PDB file of N, CA and C in Angstrom:
ATOM      1  N   UNK A   1     -58.047  65.679 -20.874  1.00  0.00           N
ATOM      2  CA  UNK A   1     -57.128  64.719 -20.320  1.00  0.00           C
ATOM      3  C   UNK A   1     -55.819  64.776 -21.116  1.00  0.00           C
ATOM      4  N   UNK A   2     -54.728  64.822 -20.413  1.00  0.00           N
ATOM      5  CA  UNK A   2     -53.424  64.950 -21.051  1.00  0.00           C
ATOM      6  C   UNK A   2     -52.639  63.660 -20.888  1.00  0.00           C
ATOM      7  N   UNK A   3     -52.045  63.172 -21.985  1.00  0.00           N
ATOM      8  CA  UNK A   3     -51.239  61.961 -21.948  1.00  0.00           C
ATOM      9  C   UNK A   3     -49.776  62.335 -21.939  1.00  0.00           C
ATOM     10  N   UNK A   4     -49.006  61.628 -21.137  1.00  0.00           N
ATOM     11  CA  UNK A   4     -47.573  61.866 -21.116  1.00  0.00           C
ATOM     12  C   UNK A   4     -46.888  60.698 -21.814  1.00  0.00           C
ATOM     13  N   UNK A   5     -45.866  60.984 -22.594  1.00  0.00           N
ATOM     14  CA  UNK A   5     -45.172  59.894 -23.271  1.00  0.00           C
ATOM     15  C   UNK A   5     -44.452  59.002 -22.259  1.00  0.00           C
ATOM     16  N   UNK A   6     -44.322  57.753 -22.622  1.00  0.00           N
ATOM     17  CA  UNK A   6     -43.622  56.806 -21.751  1.00  0.00           C
ATOM     18  C   UNK A   6     -42.157  57.208 -21.649  1.00  0.00           C
ATOM     19  N   UNK A   7     -41.626  57.112 -20.457  1.00  0.00           N
ATOM     20  CA  UNK A   7     -40.210  57.402 -20.281  1.00  0.00           C
ATOM     21  C   UNK A   7     -39.391  56.219 -20.744  1.00  0.00           C
ATOM     22  N   UNK A   8     -38.126  56.454 -21.023  1.00  0.00           N
ATOM     23  CA  UNK A   8     -37.269  55.345 -21.442  1.00  0.00           C
ATOM     24  C   UNK A   8     -37.151  54.311 -20.332  1.00  0.00           C
ATOM     25  N   UNK A   9     -37.244  54.743 -19.067  1.00  0.00           N
ATOM     26  CA  UNK A   9     -37.203  53.795 -17.945  1.00  0.00           C
ATOM     27  C   UNK A   9     -38.413  52.885 -17.971  1.00  0.00           C
ATOM     28  N   UNK A  10     -39.608  53.463 -18.157  1.00  0.00           N
ATOM     29  CA  UNK A  10     -40.808  52.622 -18.166  1.00  0.00           C
ATOM     30  C   UNK A  10     -40.813  51.696 -19.376  1.00  0.00           C
ATOM     31  N   UNK A  11     -40.310  52.155 -20.511  1.00  0.00           N
ATOM     32  CA  UNK A  11     -40.205  51.306 -21.696  1.00  0.00           C
ATOM     33  C   UNK A  11     -39.219  50.172 -21.426  1.00  0.00           C
ATOM     34  N   UNK A  12     -38.105  50.500 -20.786  1.00  0.00           N
ATOM     35  CA  UNK A  12     -37.123  49.482 -20.422  1.00  0.00           C
ATOM     36  C   UNK A  12     -37.692  48.466 -19.457  1.00  0.00           C
ATOM     37  N   UNK A  13     -38.494  48.931 -18.506  1.00  0.00           N
ATOM     38  CA  UNK A  13     -39.132  48.022 -17.544  1.00  0.00           C
ATOM     39  C   UNK A  13     -40.055  47.038 -18.256  1.00  0.00           C
ATOM     40  N   UNK A  14     -40.788  47.524 -19.246  1.00  0.00           N
ATOM     41  CA  UNK A  14     -41.678  46.661 -20.015  1.00  0.00           C
ATOM     42  C   UNK A  14     -40.864  45.599 -20.752  1.00  0.00           C
ATOM     43  N   UNK A  15     -39.765  46.023 -21.366  1.00  0.00           N
ATOM     44  CA  UNK A  15     -38.907  45.086 -22.079  1.00  0.00           C
ATOM     45  C   UNK A  15     -38.314  44.039 -21.157  1.00  0.00           C
ATOM     46  N   UNK A  16     -37.870  44.468 -19.982  1.00  0.00           N
ATOM     47  CA  UNK A  16     -37.283  43.527 -19.027  1.00  0.00           C
ATOM     48  C   UNK A  16     -38.320  42.533 -18.514  1.00  0.00           C
ATOM     49  N   UNK A  17     -39.544  42.991 -18.311  1.00  0.00           N
ATOM     50  CA  UNK A  17     -40.606  42.085 -17.875  1.00  0.00           C
ATOM     51  C   UNK A  17     -40.886  41.033 -18.954  1.00  0.00           C
ATOM     52  N   UNK A  18     -40.956  41.477 -20.200  1.00  0.00           N
ATOM     53  CA  UNK A  18     -41.162  40.527 -21.302  1.00  0.00           C
ATOM     54  C   UNK A  18     -40.000  39.542 -21.396  1.00  0.00           C
ATOM     55  N   UNK A  19     -38.779  40.038 -21.190  1.00  0.00           N
ATOM     56  CA  UNK A  19     -37.604  39.164 -21.251  1.00  0.00           C
ATOM     57  C   UNK A  19     -37.641  38.122 -20.133  1.00  0.00           C
ATOM     58  N   UNK A  20     -38.001  38.541 -18.920  1.00  0.00           N
ATOM     59  CA  UNK A  20     -38.091  37.589 -17.803  1.00  0.00           C
ATOM     60  C   UNK A  20     -39.133  36.507 -18.089  1.00  0.00           C
ATOM     61  N   UNK A  21     -40.293  36.917 -18.589  1.00  0.00           N
ATOM     62  CA  UNK A  21     -41.337  35.944 -18.940  1.00  0.00           C
ATOM     63  C   UNK A  21     -40.821  34.963 -19.994  1.00  0.00           C
ATOM     64  N   UNK A  22     -40.170  35.480 -21.001  1.00  0.00           N
ATOM     65  CA  UNK A  22     -39.612  34.655 -22.079  1.00  0.00           C
ATOM     66  C   UNK A  22     -38.605  33.649 -21.527  1.00  0.00           C
ATOM     67  N   UNK A  23     -37.694  34.121 -20.679  1.00  0.00           N
ATOM     68  CA  UNK A  23     -36.671  33.242 -20.110  1.00  0.00           C
ATOM     69  C   UNK A  23     -37.302  32.141 -19.261  1.00  0.00           C
ATOM     70  N   UNK A  24     -38.251  32.514 -18.424  1.00  0.00           N
ATOM     71  CA  UNK A  24     -38.893  31.534 -17.556  1.00  0.00           C
ATOM     72  C   UNK A  24     -39.636  30.476 -18.373  1.00  0.00           C
ATOM     73  N   UNK A  25     -40.265  30.885 -19.466  1.00  0.00           N
ATOM     74  CA  UNK A  25     -40.940  29.921 -20.344  1.00  0.00           C
ATOM     75  C   UNK A  25     -39.939  28.978 -21.006  1.00  0.00           C
ATOM     76  N   UNK A  26     -38.674  29.406 -21.076  1.00  0.00           N
ATOM     77  CA  UNK A  26     -37.621  28.584 -21.659  1.00  0.00           C
ATOM     78  C   UNK A  26     -36.798  27.868 -20.591  1.00  0.00           C
ATOM     79  N   UNK A  27     -37.336  27.767 -19.378  1.00  0.00           N
ATOM     80  CA  UNK A  27     -36.714  26.975 -18.325  1.00  0.00           C
ATOM     81  C   UNK A  27     -35.566  27.633 -17.584  1.00  0.00           C
ATOM     82  N   UNK A  28     -35.438  28.946 -17.708  1.00  0.00           N
ATOM     83  CA  UNK A  28     -34.359  29.670 -17.044  1.00  0.00           C
ATOM     84  C   UNK A  28     -34.877  30.222 -15.717  1.00  0.00           C
ATOM     85  N   UNK A  29     -34.094  30.049 -14.670  1.00  0.00           N
ATOM     86  CA  UNK A  29     -34.447  30.537 -13.334  1.00  0.00           C
ATOM     87  C   UNK A  29     -33.881  31.950 -13.149  1.00  0.00           C
ATOM     88  N   UNK A  30     -34.751  32.896 -12.855  1.00  0.00           N
ATOM     89  CA  UNK A  30     -34.328  34.279 -12.604  1.00  0.00           C
ATOM     90  C   UNK A  30     -33.844  34.378 -11.161  1.00  0.00           C
ATOM     91  N   UNK A  31     -32.624  34.877 -10.985  1.00  0.00           N
ATOM     92  CA  UNK A  31     -32.053  35.053  -9.648  1.00  0.00           C
ATOM     93  C   UNK A  31     -32.253  36.489  -9.167  1.00  0.00           C
ATOM     94  N   UNK A  32     -31.992  37.447 -10.063  1.00  0.00           N
ATOM     95  CA  UNK A  32     -32.022  38.863  -9.661  1.00  0.00           C
ATOM     96  C   UNK A  32     -32.344  39.711 -10.883  1.00  0.00           C
ATOM     97  N   UNK A  33     -33.127  40.743 -10.669  1.00  0.00           N
ATOM     98  CA  UNK A  33     -33.386  41.738 -11.709  1.00  0.00           C
ATOM     99  C   UNK A  33     -32.792  43.066 -11.261  1.00  0.00           C
ATOM    100  N   UNK A  34     -32.239  43.767 -12.214  1.00  0.00           N
ATOM    101  CA  UNK A  34     -31.718  45.119 -11.987  1.00  0.00           C
ATOM    102  C   UNK A  34     -30.697  45.186 -10.856  1.00  0.00           C
ATOM    103  N   UNK A  35     -29.666  44.364 -10.937  1.00  0.00           N
ATOM    104  CA  UNK A  35     -28.572  44.461  -9.977  1.00  0.00           C
ATOM    105  C   UNK A  35     -27.769  45.715 -10.298  1.00  0.00           C
ATOM    106  N   UNK A  36     -27.648  46.586  -9.301  1.00  0.00           N
ATOM    107  CA  UNK A  36     -26.931  47.848  -9.487  1.00  0.00           C
ATOM    108  C   UNK A  36     -25.789  47.942  -8.500  1.00  0.00           C
ATOM    109  N   UNK A  37     -24.694  48.532  -8.974  1.00  0.00           N
ATOM    110  CA  UNK A  37     -23.557  48.823  -8.107  1.00  0.00           C
ATOM    111  C   UNK A  37     -22.867  50.064  -8.648  1.00  0.00           C
ATOM    112  N   UNK A  38     -21.740  50.415  -8.056  1.00  0.00           N
ATOM    113  CA  UNK A  38     -21.060  51.651  -8.448  1.00  0.00           C
ATOM    114  C   UNK A  38     -20.572  51.632  -9.897  1.00  0.00           C
ATOM    115  N   UNK A  39     -20.363  50.448 -10.463  1.00  0.00           N
ATOM    116  CA  UNK A  39     -19.834  50.330 -11.820  1.00  0.00           C
ATOM    117  C   UNK A  39     -20.932  50.392 -12.872  1.00  0.00           C
ATOM    118  N   UNK A  40     -22.062  49.761 -12.578  1.00  0.00           N
ATOM    119  CA  UNK A  40     -23.127  49.713 -13.576  1.00  0.00           C
ATOM    120  C   UNK A  40     -24.305  48.891 -13.112  1.00  0.00           C
ATOM    121  N   UNK A  41     -25.032  48.361 -14.084  1.00  0.00           N
ATOM    122  CA  UNK A  41     -26.244  47.589 -13.802  1.00  0.00           C
ATOM    123  C   UNK A  41     -26.307  46.392 -14.736  1.00  0.00           C
ATOM    124  N   UNK A  42     -26.851  45.312 -14.208  1.00  0.00           N
ATOM    125  CA  UNK A  42     -27.158  44.144 -15.027  1.00  0.00           C
ATOM    126  C   UNK A  42     -28.665  43.963 -14.956  1.00  0.00           C
ATOM    127  N   UNK A  43     -29.292  43.882 -16.124  1.00  0.00           N
ATOM    128  CA  UNK A  43     -30.746  43.817 -16.183  1.00  0.00           C
ATOM    129  C   UNK A  43     -31.288  42.551 -15.528  1.00  0.00           C
ATOM    130  N   UNK A  44     -30.733  41.400 -15.908  1.00  0.00           N
ATOM    131  CA  UNK A  44     -31.211  40.132 -15.368  1.00  0.00           C
ATOM    132  C   UNK A  44     -30.025  39.223 -15.084  1.00  0.00           C
ATOM    133  N   UNK A  45     -30.041  38.609 -13.904  1.00  0.00           N
ATOM    134  CA  UNK A  45     -29.083  37.561 -13.574  1.00  0.00           C
ATOM    135  C   UNK A  45     -29.906  36.299 -13.412  1.00  0.00           C
ATOM    136  N   UNK A  46     -29.521  35.263 -14.157  1.00  0.00           N
ATOM    137  CA  UNK A  46     -30.319  34.047 -14.192  1.00  0.00           C
ATOM    138  C   UNK A  46     -29.411  32.826 -14.129  1.00  0.00           C
ATOM    139  N   UNK A  47     -30.054  31.682 -14.054  1.00  0.00           N
ATOM    140  CA  UNK A  47     -29.310  30.436 -13.937  1.00  0.00           C
ATOM    141  C   UNK A  47     -30.016  29.363 -14.760  1.00  0.00           C
ATOM    142  N   UNK A  48     -29.228  28.607 -15.524  1.00  0.00           N
ATOM    143  CA  UNK A  48     -29.768  27.408 -16.134  1.00  0.00           C
ATOM    144  C   UNK A  48     -29.084  26.224 -15.464  1.00  0.00           C
ATOM    145  N   UNK A  49     -29.150  25.079 -16.036  1.00  0.00           N
ATOM    146  CA  UNK A  49     -28.586  23.893 -15.381  1.00  0.00           C
ATOM    147  C   UNK A  49     -27.109  24.020 -15.040  1.00  0.00           C
ATOM    148  N   UNK A  50     -26.354  24.646 -15.916  1.00  0.00           N
ATOM    149  CA  UNK A  50     -24.907  24.635 -15.715  1.00  0.00           C
ATOM    150  C   UNK A  50     -24.253  26.011 -15.632  1.00  0.00           C
ATOM    151  N   UNK A  51     -24.981  27.067 -15.922  1.00  0.00           N
ATOM    152  CA  UNK A  51     -24.345  28.388 -16.031  1.00  0.00           C
ATOM    153  C   UNK A  51     -25.097  29.476 -15.284  1.00  0.00           C
ATOM    154  N   UNK A  52     -24.329  30.448 -14.864  1.00  0.00           N
ATOM    155  CA  UNK A  52     -24.872  31.696 -14.355  1.00  0.00           C
ATOM    156  C   UNK A  52     -24.883  32.638 -15.561  1.00  0.00           C
ATOM    157  N   UNK A  53     -26.022  33.280 -15.800  1.00  0.00           N
ATOM    158  CA  UNK A  53     -26.180  34.082 -17.012  1.00  0.00           C
ATOM    159  C   UNK A  53     -26.426  35.542 -16.639  1.00  0.00           C
ATOM    160  N   UNK A  54     -25.597  36.410 -17.178  1.00  0.00           N
ATOM    161  CA  UNK A  54     -25.759  37.853 -17.010  1.00  0.00           C
ATOM    162  C   UNK A  54     -26.373  38.360 -18.311  1.00  0.00           C
ATOM    163  N   UNK A  55     -27.554  38.968 -18.205  1.00  0.00           N
ATOM    164  CA  UNK A  55     -28.329  39.285 -19.399  1.00  0.00           C
ATOM    165  C   UNK A  55     -28.597  40.773 -19.507  1.00  0.00           C
ATOM    166  N   UNK A  56     -28.281  41.314 -20.672  1.00  0.00           N
ATOM    167  CA  UNK A  56     -28.603  42.691 -21.022  1.00  0.00           C
ATOM    168  C   UNK A  56     -29.843  42.651 -21.910  1.00  0.00           C
ATOM    169  N   UNK A  57     -30.835  43.464 -21.575  1.00  0.00           N
ATOM    170  CA  UNK A  57     -32.074  43.512 -22.343  1.00  0.00           C
ATOM    171  C   UNK A  57     -32.123  44.835 -23.096  1.00  0.00           C
ATOM    172  N   UNK A  58     -32.371  44.748 -24.384  1.00  0.00           N
ATOM    173  CA  UNK A  58     -32.536  45.944 -25.203  1.00  0.00           C
ATOM    174  C   UNK A  58     -33.886  45.861 -25.905  1.00  0.00           C
ATOM    175  N   UNK A  59     -34.703  46.874 -25.685  1.00  0.00           N
ATOM    176  CA  UNK A  59     -36.062  46.916 -26.216  1.00  0.00           C
ATOM    177  C   UNK A  59     -36.223  48.178 -27.055  1.00  0.00           C
ATOM    178  N   UNK A  60     -36.702  48.008 -28.268  1.00  0.00           N
ATOM    179  CA  UNK A  60     -36.936  49.152 -29.153  1.00  0.00           C
ATOM    180  C   UNK A  60     -38.274  48.977 -29.858  1.00  0.00           C
ATOM    181  N   UNK A  61     -39.001  50.058 -29.973  1.00  0.00           N
ATOM    182  CA  UNK A  61     -40.252  50.034 -30.737  1.00  0.00           C
ATOM    183  C   UNK A  61     -39.959  50.178 -32.228  1.00  0.00           C
ATOM    184  N   UNK A  62     -38.817  50.775 -32.535  1.00  0.00           N
ATOM    185  CA  UNK A  62     -38.460  51.039 -33.922  1.00  0.00           C
ATOM    186  C   UNK A  62     -36.994  50.648 -34.135  1.00  0.00           C
ATOM    187  N   UNK A  63     -36.669  50.287 -35.356  1.00  0.00           N
ATOM    188  CA  UNK A  63     -35.268  50.005 -35.649  1.00  0.00           C
ATOM    189  C   UNK A  63     -34.612  51.192 -36.370  1.00  0.00           C
ATOM    190  N   UNK A  64     -35.202  52.347 -36.183  1.00  0.00           N
ATOM    191  CA  UNK A  64     -34.713  53.579 -36.815  1.00  0.00           C
ATOM    192  C   UNK A  64     -33.227  53.826 -36.506  1.00  0.00           C
ATOM    193  N   UNK A  65     -32.804  53.473 -35.304  1.00  0.00           N
ATOM    194  CA  UNK A  65     -31.416  53.704 -34.903  1.00  0.00           C
ATOM    195  C   UNK A  65     -30.618  52.403 -34.845  1.00  0.00           C
ATOM    196  N   UNK A  66     -31.122  51.371 -35.518  1.00  0.00           N
ATOM    197  CA  UNK A  66     -30.434  50.087 -35.547  1.00  0.00           C
ATOM    198  C   UNK A  66     -31.157  49.045 -34.706  1.00  0.00           C
ATOM    199  N   UNK A  67     -30.698  47.822 -34.836  1.00  0.00           N
ATOM    200  CA  UNK A  67     -31.281  46.712 -34.075  1.00  0.00           C
ATOM    201  C   UNK A  67     -30.983  46.900 -32.590  1.00  0.00           C
ATOM    202  N   UNK A  68     -31.885  46.465 -31.722  1.00  0.00           N
ATOM    203  CA  UNK A  68     -31.652  46.629 -30.279  1.00  0.00           C
ATOM    204  C   UNK A  68     -30.319  46.034 -29.819  1.00  0.00           C
ATOM    205  N   UNK A  69     -29.968  44.858 -30.332  1.00  0.00           N
ATOM    206  CA  UNK A  69     -28.725  44.211 -29.890  1.00  0.00           C
ATOM    207  C   UNK A  69     -27.485  45.006 -30.272  1.00  0.00           C
ATOM    208  N   UNK A  70     -27.575  45.834 -31.302  1.00  0.00           N
ATOM    209  CA  UNK A  70     -26.435  46.659 -31.715  1.00  0.00           C
ATOM    210  C   UNK A  70     -26.111  47.739 -30.693  1.00  0.00           C
ATOM    211  N   UNK A  71     -27.016  47.981 -29.767  1.00  0.00           N
ATOM    212  CA  UNK A  71     -26.801  49.001 -28.748  1.00  0.00           C
ATOM    213  C   UNK A  71     -25.923  48.498 -27.602  1.00  0.00           C
ATOM    214  N   UNK A  72     -25.580  47.219 -27.614  1.00  0.00           N
ATOM    215  CA  UNK A  72     -24.687  46.667 -26.584  1.00  0.00           C
ATOM    216  C   UNK A  72     -23.268  46.822 -27.111  1.00  0.00           C
ATOM    217  N   UNK A  73     -22.745  48.005 -26.923  1.00  0.00           N
ATOM    218  CA  UNK A  73     -21.435  48.374 -27.459  1.00  0.00           C
ATOM    219  C   UNK A  73     -20.292  47.749 -26.650  1.00  0.00           C
ATOM    220  N   UNK A  74     -19.099  47.874 -27.174  1.00  0.00           N
ATOM    221  CA  UNK A  74     -17.899  47.405 -26.484  1.00  0.00           C
ATOM    222  C   UNK A  74     -17.813  48.009 -25.077  1.00  0.00           C
ATOM    223  N   UNK A  75     -18.060  49.311 -24.972  1.00  0.00           N
ATOM    224  CA  UNK A  75     -18.016  50.001 -23.677  1.00  0.00           C
ATOM    225  C   UNK A  75     -19.064  49.421 -22.720  1.00  0.00           C
ATOM    226  N   UNK A  76     -20.280  49.188 -23.228  1.00  0.00           N
ATOM    227  CA  UNK A  76     -21.344  48.616 -22.408  1.00  0.00           C
ATOM    228  C   UNK A  76     -20.974  47.198 -21.965  1.00  0.00           C
ATOM    229  N   UNK A  77     -20.388  46.419 -22.851  1.00  0.00           N
ATOM    230  CA  UNK A  77     -19.958  45.067 -22.514  1.00  0.00           C
ATOM    231  C   UNK A  77     -18.942  45.083 -21.368  1.00  0.00           C
ATOM    232  N   UNK A  78     -17.987  45.991 -21.439  1.00  0.00           N
ATOM    233  CA  UNK A  78     -16.987  46.093 -20.373  1.00  0.00           C
ATOM    234  C   UNK A  78     -17.646  46.419 -19.036  1.00  0.00           C
ATOM    235  N   UNK A  79     -18.611  47.338 -19.037  1.00  0.00           N
ATOM    236  CA  UNK A  79     -19.311  47.695 -17.799  1.00  0.00           C
ATOM    237  C   UNK A  79     -20.091  46.500 -17.246  1.00  0.00           C
ATOM    238  N   UNK A  80     -20.727  45.753 -18.115  1.00  0.00           N
ATOM    239  CA  UNK A  80     -21.487  44.576 -17.675  1.00  0.00           C
ATOM    240  C   UNK A  80     -20.537  43.542 -17.064  1.00  0.00           C
ATOM    241  N   UNK A  81     -19.400  43.322 -17.686  1.00  0.00           N
ATOM    242  CA  UNK A  81     -18.428  42.351 -17.172  1.00  0.00           C
ATOM    243  C   UNK A  81     -17.912  42.778 -15.809  1.00  0.00           C
ATOM    244  N   UNK A  82     -17.561  44.047 -15.650  1.00  0.00           N
ATOM    245  CA  UNK A  82     -17.094  44.539 -14.349  1.00  0.00           C
ATOM    246  C   UNK A  82     -18.187  44.427 -13.289  1.00  0.00           C
ATOM    247  N   UNK A  83     -19.409  44.722 -13.665  1.00  0.00           N
ATOM    248  CA  UNK A  83     -20.535  44.608 -12.737  1.00  0.00           C
ATOM    249  C   UNK A  83     -20.743  43.150 -12.344  1.00  0.00           C
ATOM    250  N   UNK A  84     -20.625  42.246 -13.294  1.00  0.00           N
ATOM    251  CA  UNK A  84     -20.751  40.813 -13.006  1.00  0.00           C
ATOM    252  C   UNK A  84     -19.658  40.355 -12.039  1.00  0.00           C
ATOM    253  N   UNK A  85     -18.448  40.848 -12.227  1.00  0.00           N
ATOM    254  CA  UNK A  85     -17.357  40.497 -11.314  1.00  0.00           C
ATOM    255  C   UNK A  85     -17.664  40.958  -9.894  1.00  0.00           C
ATOM    256  N   UNK A  86     -18.220  42.156  -9.751  1.00  0.00           N
ATOM    257  CA  UNK A  86     -18.595  42.648  -8.425  1.00  0.00           C
ATOM    258  C   UNK A  86     -19.736  41.822  -7.837  1.00  0.00           C
ATOM    259  N   UNK A  87     -20.674  41.417  -8.664  1.00  0.00           N
ATOM    260  CA  UNK A  87     -21.767  40.567  -8.190  1.00  0.00           C
ATOM    261  C   UNK A  87     -21.203  39.256  -7.644  1.00  0.00           C
ATOM    262  N   UNK A  88     -20.272  38.664  -8.373  1.00  0.00           N
ATOM    263  CA  UNK A  88     -19.675  37.393  -7.934  1.00  0.00           C
ATOM    264  C   UNK A  88     -18.870  37.563  -6.645  1.00  0.00           C
ATOM    265  N   UNK A  89     -18.236  38.710  -6.465  1.00  0.00           N
ATOM    266  CA  UNK A  89     -17.522  38.972  -5.211  1.00  0.00           C
ATOM    267  C   UNK A  89     -18.499  39.026  -4.038  1.00  0.00           C
ATOM    268  N   UNK A  90     -19.679  39.558  -4.273  1.00  0.00           N
ATOM    269  CA  UNK A  90     -20.695  39.655  -3.212  1.00  0.00           C
ATOM    270  C   UNK A  90     -21.412  38.327  -2.981  1.00  0.00           C
ATOM    271  N   UNK A  91     -21.313  37.420  -3.935  1.00  0.00           N
ATOM    272  CA  UNK A  91     -21.985  36.115  -3.849  1.00  0.00           C
ATOM    273  C   UNK A  91     -20.979  35.000  -4.140  1.00  0.00           C
ATOM    274  N   UNK A  92     -20.041  34.771  -3.218  1.00  0.00           N
ATOM    275  CA  UNK A  92     -18.953  33.816  -3.475  1.00  0.00           C
ATOM    276  C   UNK A  92     -19.416  32.386  -3.732  1.00  0.00           C
ATOM    277  N   UNK A  93     -20.607  32.012  -3.270  1.00  0.00           N
ATOM    278  CA  UNK A  93     -21.105  30.658  -3.530  1.00  0.00           C
ATOM    279  C   UNK A  93     -21.338  30.417  -5.024  1.00  0.00           C
ATOM    280  N   UNK A  94     -21.531  31.490  -5.775  1.00  0.00           N
ATOM    281  CA  UNK A  94     -21.775  31.373  -7.214  1.00  0.00           C
ATOM    282  C   UNK A  94     -20.497  31.502  -8.050  1.00  0.00           C
ATOM    283  N   UNK A  95     -19.401  31.861  -7.405  1.00  0.00           N
ATOM    284  CA  UNK A  95     -18.173  32.187  -8.124  1.00  0.00           C
ATOM    285  C   UNK A  95     -17.583  31.017  -8.910  1.00  0.00           C
ATOM    286  N   UNK A  96     -17.898  29.787  -8.538  1.00  0.00           N
ATOM    287  CA  UNK A  96     -17.338  28.639  -9.252  1.00  0.00           C
ATOM    288  C   UNK A  96     -18.202  28.173 -10.417  1.00  0.00           C
ATOM    289  N   UNK A  97     -19.351  28.782 -10.603  1.00  0.00           N
ATOM    290  CA  UNK A  97     -20.212  28.412 -11.723  1.00  0.00           C
ATOM    291  C   UNK A  97     -19.664  28.990 -13.030  1.00  0.00           C
ATOM    292  N   UNK A  98     -19.895  28.289 -14.107  1.00  0.00           N
ATOM    293  CA  UNK A  98     -19.575  28.836 -15.426  1.00  0.00           C
ATOM    294  C   UNK A  98     -20.481  30.041 -15.658  1.00  0.00           C
ATOM    295  N   UNK A  99     -19.938  31.064 -16.272  1.00  0.00           N
ATOM    296  CA  UNK A  99     -20.702  32.283 -16.524  1.00  0.00           C
ATOM    297  C   UNK A  99     -20.753  32.569 -18.015  1.00  0.00           C
ATOM    298  N   UNK A 100     -21.849  33.190 -18.414  1.00  0.00           N
ATOM    299  CA  UNK A 100     -21.932  33.657 -19.794  1.00  0.00           C
ATOM    300  C   UNK A 100     -22.715  34.962 -19.833  1.00  0.00           C
ATOM    301  N   UNK A 101     -22.553  35.666 -20.944  1.00  0.00           N
ATOM    302  CA  UNK A 101     -23.182  36.966 -21.130  1.00  0.00           C
ATOM    303  C   UNK A 101     -24.106  36.889 -22.342  1.00  0.00           C
ATOM    304  N   UNK A 102     -25.394  37.072 -22.096  1.00  0.00           N
ATOM    305  CA  UNK A 102     -26.405  36.993 -23.142  1.00  0.00           C
ATOM    306  C   UNK A 102     -27.031  38.362 -23.366  1.00  0.00           C
ATOM    307  N   UNK A 103     -27.658  38.505 -24.517  1.00  0.00           N
ATOM    308  CA  UNK A 103     -28.432  39.707 -24.836  1.00  0.00           C
ATOM    309  C   UNK A 103     -29.808  39.254 -25.296  1.00  0.00           C
ATOM    310  N   UNK A 104     -30.822  39.876 -24.726  1.00  0.00           N
ATOM    311  CA  UNK A 104     -32.189  39.682 -25.208  1.00  0.00           C
ATOM    312  C   UNK A 104     -32.562  40.959 -25.946  1.00  0.00           C
ATOM    313  N   UNK A 105     -32.868  40.798 -27.211  1.00  0.00           N
ATOM    314  CA  UNK A 105     -33.204  41.906 -28.085  1.00  0.00           C
ATOM    315  C   UNK A 105     -34.696  41.833 -28.392  1.00  0.00           C
ATOM    316  N   UNK A 106     -35.418  42.903 -28.076  1.00  0.00           N
ATOM    317  CA  UNK A 106     -36.854  42.928 -28.324  1.00  0.00           C
ATOM    318  C   UNK A 106     -37.152  44.087 -29.264  1.00  0.00           C
ATOM    319  N   UNK A 107     -37.719  43.733 -30.407  1.00  0.00           N
ATOM    320  CA  UNK A 107     -38.125  44.748 -31.385  1.00  0.00           C
ATOM    321  C   UNK A 107     -39.596  44.518 -31.676  1.00  0.00           C
ATOM    322  N   UNK A 108     -40.420  45.454 -31.269  1.00  0.00           N
ATOM    323  CA  UNK A 108     -41.872  45.329 -31.362  1.00  0.00           C
ATOM    324  C   UNK A 108     -42.297  44.039 -30.677  1.00  0.00           C
ATOM    325  N   UNK A 109     -42.775  43.035 -31.405  1.00  0.00           N
ATOM    326  CA  UNK A 109     -43.213  41.788 -30.778  1.00  0.00           C
ATOM    327  C   UNK A 109     -42.230  40.643 -30.945  1.00  0.00           C
ATOM    328  N   UNK A 110     -41.094  40.897 -31.564  1.00  0.00           N
ATOM    329  CA  UNK A 110     -40.095  39.853 -31.792  1.00  0.00           C
ATOM    330  C   UNK A 110     -39.054  39.852 -30.677  1.00  0.00           C
ATOM    331  N   UNK A 111     -38.808  38.666 -30.131  1.00  0.00           N
ATOM    332  CA  UNK A 111     -37.784  38.506 -29.100  1.00  0.00           C
ATOM    333  C   UNK A 111     -36.687  37.620 -29.657  1.00  0.00           C
ATOM    334  N   UNK A 112     -35.462  38.109 -29.553  1.00  0.00           N
ATOM    335  CA  UNK A 112     -34.300  37.348 -29.993  1.00  0.00           C
ATOM    336  C   UNK A 112     -33.373  37.164 -28.794  1.00  0.00           C
ATOM    337  N   UNK A 113     -32.966  35.941 -28.554  1.00  0.00           N
ATOM    338  CA  UNK A 113     -32.096  35.624 -27.421  1.00  0.00           C
ATOM    339  C   UNK A 113     -30.731  35.236 -27.968  1.00  0.00           C
ATOM    340  N   UNK A 114     -29.766  36.074 -27.738  1.00  0.00           N
ATOM    341  CA  UNK A 114     -28.402  35.828 -28.210  1.00  0.00           C
ATOM    342  C   UNK A 114     -27.592  35.299 -27.038  1.00  0.00           C
ATOM    343  N   UNK A 115     -27.359  33.996 -27.044  1.00  0.00           N
ATOM    344  CA  UNK A 115     -26.576  33.371 -25.977  1.00  0.00           C
ATOM    345  C   UNK A 115     -25.099  33.535 -26.295  1.00  0.00           C
ATOM    346  N   UNK A 116     -24.298  33.702 -25.246  1.00  0.00           N
ATOM    347  CA  UNK A 116     -22.858  33.957 -25.427  1.00  0.00           C
ATOM    348  C   UNK A 116     -22.625  35.127 -26.383  1.00  0.00           C
ATOM    349  N   UNK A 117     -23.367  36.190 -26.172  1.00  0.00           N
ATOM    350  CA  UNK A 117     -23.297  37.349 -27.059  1.00  0.00           C
ATOM    351  C   UNK A 117     -21.920  38.008 -27.046  1.00  0.00           C
ATOM    352  N   UNK A 118     -21.260  37.947 -25.911  1.00  0.00           N
ATOM    353  CA  UNK A 118     -19.893  38.460 -25.797  1.00  0.00           C
ATOM    354  C   UNK A 118     -19.209  37.735 -24.663  1.00  0.00           C
ATOM    355  N   UNK A 119     -17.882  37.894 -24.609  1.00  0.00           N
ATOM    356  CA  UNK A 119     -17.135  37.213 -23.540  1.00  0.00           C
ATOM    357  C   UNK A 119     -16.130  38.166 -22.910  1.00  0.00           C
ATOM    358  N   UNK A 120     -15.357  37.661 -22.005  1.00  0.00           N
ATOM    359  CA  UNK A 120     -14.429  38.502 -21.250  1.00  0.00           C
ATOM    360  C   UNK A 120     -13.071  38.632 -21.909  1.00  0.00           C
ATOM    361  N   UNK A 121     -12.905  38.122 -23.110  1.00  0.00           N
ATOM    362  CA  UNK A 121     -11.616  38.188 -23.801  1.00  0.00           C
ATOM    363  C   UNK A 121     -11.467  39.496 -24.563  1.00  0.00           C
ATOM    364  N   UNK A 122     -11.001  40.520 -23.876  1.00  0.00           N
ATOM    365  CA  UNK A 122     -10.813  41.818 -24.550  1.00  0.00           C
ATOM    366  C   UNK A 122      -9.370  42.014 -24.896  1.00  0.00           C
TER     367      UNK A 122
END
C-alpha cells in the first residue's frame, strides 16, 4: 500500500474547516467559504453583530518558515482587500456594513485569531 503526502490544498482545507468551527463556537456566522474571483480568494467571509469580516486562514504544521500569520504579506493583504471590494460590489446589501480583515493562524493545535489584522490604509 502506497501513501501519498497531503497536498497543500488538502492541508489548507483542513485548516479552513478548523477555523470555521472555531469561529462558529465564538458566535461568528459564516456567510461564505472560499470566495473566488479574478483578483483572488478570501478563505472565509463571516458576520458578527456589527461587522462583515474577511478572514485569511493560515495553517502550518511547522514554524520552520515562520509563524503562519507572517505569511499574510503586504501583497497578499492588497489582494484580499481588492477581492473584498469585488465581493461587496456583487452583494450591495452588505456594502453599508462595517468591514474588517482578520487572520486566523493555526500552528499544530494552537489557533490564534487576529482581529483587525490589517486595514485598507496603504
